[in-house]
Each structure stands twice: as C-alpha cells, then as structure tokens.
Amino acid sequence: MFDNSVAASLDSTAHIIQIALTPVFLLSGIATLLNVFGTRLARVADQAERISQAIDGASGLEQVRLARRMNALRRRSLALDAAVILGALGGVATCGAVLTLFVGALRDATVADILFVLFGLAILCTLSALMVFGFEMLLASRGMRQRVAVRQIEVAEETGVPVDERP
C-alpha cells in the first residue's frame, strides 16, 4: 500500500522527533531550576528591602551589623545572578541542540559536531549553574548561622544564662 520511500521517510522523521524530545526533558529541568533561582532571588530582595528600611532607624553598632548583612545579601544576589545566567545559557544551548537536530534532518553537513557542542554547552552551563547555586546556598546558610550566633550571644547577655545551658 505504502511506497518504501514513504515508509523510510516516515521512520526517519519519527526517529528525529524521538531524538529531539530527549533535550526537551533537560529543558524542563532547567526551567525548574530557573524557577528555584528566581524564588530565592526574590527572597534575597525582600530581605534586602527590610534591612534597608531598618538601617535608617538603627544606631551605630546596629548599622554596622545591618550593613554587613546587606553585603552578604549582595554576594548571594550576585551568585544567584550567575546561576540564572548560566541556567538560561544552558536552556539556549539545549534549544539550539533541538534546532540543530531538525535542521540536520534537512542537511547532512557537520550537524553531529554542532549538536555535540550545543548539547555539551547545555550540560556545562547547567552544571555551572548548579555549582553557583550551591555556593549561594552555602552563603545563605553561613549568614543564617551567623545571625543565630549573634542572637544567642545577645540573649545570653540579656538573661545571664550561657547559650549552652539553655534548654
């Protein structure tokens, strides 16, 4: 009923679509990462806004402490910016890999080399974004531990009870 060339063309097209779907899963994961990065960046911005307002009414020593906190938030925001940029580049490279698959179906030139570079770039950017995000998480946890330690010292001075002896 069908000509062999039509069946071969249909098989070839189906194979290309199957191969093109694999990077789409990576793209979905990158989109999820970008959402996480964006949420954390919003939290950093909210904290920076609160601290900025608190600095105005603070006294000397408190202003110094709040200024240090703002510097830590600035470093976190820079790390998140880098993670977002790398994640977005990973998404762009993934889309480029998918486009190369479809264009490669039309032309059989050096598609394999281009596809290798684009997909490799997508993986490297995503890996870098994850590493920078991990760095930002370490900055966040370090800052939180410093705030807890300062608060514990303040409470110990106010109550006269050493930090280790409280229940």
Protein backbone atom coordinates (compact mmCIF):
# COMPACT_ATOMS: atom_id res chain seq x y z
CA MET A 1 0.00 0.00 0.00
CA PHE A 2 2.73 2.48 1.02
CA ASP A 3 5.80 3.06 -1.02
CA ASN A 4 9.06 2.01 0.69
CA SER A 5 10.45 5.54 0.33
CA VAL A 6 7.40 6.98 2.14
CA ALA A 7 7.79 4.43 4.96
CA ALA A 8 11.51 5.18 5.23
CA SER A 9 10.83 8.92 5.29
CA LEU A 10 8.19 8.42 7.97
CA ASP A 11 10.57 6.29 10.05
CA SER A 12 13.32 8.87 9.65
CA THR A 13 11.00 11.69 10.73
CA ALA A 14 9.75 9.70 13.73
CA HIS A 15 13.35 8.96 14.75
CA ILE A 16 14.29 12.65 14.55
CA ILE A 17 11.31 13.60 16.71
CA GLN A 18 12.24 10.93 19.28
CA ILE A 19 15.80 12.21 19.46
CA ALA A 20 14.61 15.82 19.70
CA LEU A 21 12.41 15.01 22.70
CA THR A 22 15.37 14.00 24.87
CA PRO A 23 16.74 17.55 25.17
CA VAL A 24 13.22 18.76 25.97
CA PHE A 25 13.40 16.87 29.26
CA LEU A 26 16.66 18.68 30.03
CA LEU A 27 14.97 21.95 29.12
CA SER A 28 12.15 21.16 31.54
CA GLY A 29 14.67 20.56 34.32
CA ILE A 30 16.46 23.81 33.50
CA ALA A 31 13.16 25.69 33.63
CA THR A 32 12.52 24.24 37.09
CA LEU A 33 15.98 25.33 38.23
CA LEU A 34 15.40 28.84 36.91
CA ASN A 35 12.15 28.95 38.87
CA VAL A 36 14.02 27.97 42.06
CA PHE A 37 16.72 30.57 41.36
CA GLY A 38 14.08 33.24 40.79
CA THR A 39 12.28 32.39 44.02
CA ARG A 40 15.49 32.60 46.03
CA LEU A 41 16.41 35.87 44.35
CA ALA A 42 13.02 37.28 45.35
CA ARG A 43 13.63 36.23 48.96
CA VAL A 44 17.04 37.92 48.93
CA ALA A 45 15.44 41.08 47.53
CA ASP A 46 12.77 41.04 50.24
CA GLN A 47 15.40 40.66 52.96
CA ALA A 48 17.48 43.47 51.44
CA GLU A 49 14.43 45.72 51.43
CA ARG A 50 13.68 45.02 55.10
CA ILE A 51 17.30 45.60 56.13
CA SER A 52 17.48 48.77 54.07
CA GLN A 53 14.49 50.14 55.94
CA ALA A 54 15.89 49.01 59.29
CA ILE A 55 19.24 50.73 58.71
CA ASP A 56 17.59 54.15 58.72
CA GLY A 57 16.43 53.88 62.33
CA ALA A 58 19.40 51.91 63.66
CA SER A 59 22.17 53.15 65.94
CA GLY A 60 25.92 52.93 65.21
CA LEU A 61 26.69 49.32 66.10
CA GLU A 62 23.37 48.07 64.73
CA GLN A 63 24.00 49.94 61.47
CA VAL A 64 27.35 48.20 61.09
CA ARG A 65 25.73 44.81 61.65
CA LEU A 66 22.96 45.57 59.15
CA ALA A 67 25.50 46.87 56.61
CA ARG A 68 27.41 43.58 56.88
CA ARG A 69 24.14 41.72 56.35
CA MET A 70 23.48 43.81 53.23
CA ASN A 71 26.94 42.89 51.91
CA ALA A 72 26.17 39.20 52.44
CA LEU A 73 22.86 39.61 50.60
CA ARG A 74 24.69 41.36 47.77
CA ARG A 75 27.09 38.41 47.41
CA ARG A 76 24.15 36.00 47.42
CA SER A 77 22.35 38.01 44.76
CA LEU A 78 25.48 38.03 42.58
CA ALA A 79 25.78 34.24 42.93
CA LEU A 80 22.11 33.84 42.02
CA ASP A 81 22.54 36.17 39.04
CA ALA A 82 25.37 33.97 37.78
CA ALA A 83 23.27 30.83 38.32
CA VAL A 84 20.35 32.36 36.40
CA ILE A 85 22.58 33.43 33.51
CA LEU A 86 24.26 30.02 33.31
CA GLY A 87 20.92 28.22 33.54
CA ALA A 88 19.47 30.40 30.80
CA LEU A 89 22.52 29.75 28.62
CA GLY A 90 22.04 26.04 29.25
CA GLY A 91 18.44 26.40 28.07
CA VAL A 92 19.52 28.33 24.99
CA ALA A 93 22.12 25.69 24.14
CA THR A 94 19.51 22.95 24.61
CA CYS A 95 17.11 24.73 22.28
CA GLY A 96 19.99 25.14 19.83
CA ALA A 97 20.63 21.40 20.02
CA VAL A 98 16.98 20.67 19.23
CA LEU A 99 17.01 23.14 16.34
CA THR A 100 20.20 21.56 15.03
CA LEU A 101 18.53 18.15 15.03
CA PHE A 102 15.71 19.44 12.87
CA VAL A 103 17.97 21.43 10.54
CA GLY A 104 20.31 18.46 10.39
CA ALA A 105 17.49 16.34 9.10
CA LEU A 106 17.38 18.68 6.12
CA ARG A 107 21.14 18.88 5.64
CA ASP A 108 23.68 16.23 6.49
CA ALA A 109 26.71 18.51 6.87
CA THR A 110 28.57 18.89 10.14
CA VAL A 111 25.42 18.53 12.20
CA ALA A 112 26.93 15.98 14.55
CA ASP A 113 29.72 18.39 15.56
CA ILE A 114 27.32 21.30 16.09
CA LEU A 115 24.94 19.09 18.04
CA PHE A 116 27.78 17.81 20.22
CA VAL A 117 28.96 21.36 21.00
CA LEU A 118 25.47 22.71 21.76
CA PHE A 119 24.40 19.81 23.94
CA GLY A 120 27.77 19.83 25.70
CA LEU A 121 27.39 23.57 26.29
CA ALA A 122 23.92 22.99 27.72
CA ILE A 123 25.26 20.42 30.16
CA LEU A 124 28.25 22.59 31.16
CA CYS A 125 26.10 25.68 31.73
CA THR A 126 23.57 23.72 33.76
CA LEU A 127 26.34 22.12 35.81
CA SER A 128 27.93 25.54 36.40
CA ALA A 129 24.56 27.00 37.39
CA LEU A 130 24.10 24.23 39.93
CA MET A 131 27.58 24.82 41.34
CA VAL A 132 27.00 28.57 41.68
CA PHE A 133 23.61 27.88 43.23
CA GLY A 134 25.31 25.57 45.73
CA PHE A 135 27.72 28.40 46.54
CA GLU A 136 24.76 30.73 47.11
CA MET A 137 23.16 28.17 49.40
CA LEU A 138 26.38 27.99 51.42
CA LEU A 139 26.41 31.79 51.70
CA ALA A 140 22.79 31.72 52.87
CA SER A 141 23.37 29.05 55.50
CA ARG A 142 26.55 30.73 56.72
CA GLY A 143 24.69 34.02 57.11
CA MET A 144 21.85 32.30 58.94
CA ARG A 145 24.29 30.62 61.34
CA GLN A 146 25.99 33.97 62.00
CA ARG A 147 22.63 35.62 62.77
CA VAL A 148 21.73 32.77 65.13
CA ALA A 149 25.09 33.04 66.91
CA VAL A 150 24.73 36.80 67.33
CA ARG A 151 21.19 36.39 68.64
CA GLN A 152 22.30 33.66 71.06
CA ILE A 153 25.02 35.95 72.44
CA GLU A 154 22.51 38.79 72.81
CA VAL A 155 20.07 36.54 74.66
CA ALA A 156 22.86 35.19 76.87
CA GLU A 157 23.91 38.74 77.77
CA GLU A 158 20.31 39.78 78.48
CA THR A 159 19.42 36.72 80.57
CA GLY A 160 22.81 35.98 82.10
CA VAL A 161 22.38 32.32 81.09
CA PRO A 162 25.12 30.91 78.87
CA VAL A 163 23.97 29.65 75.46
CA ASP A 164 24.92 26.04 76.21
CA GLU A 165 22.86 25.90 79.42
CA ARG A 166 19.50 26.93 77.94
CA PRO A 167 17.01 24.13 77.29
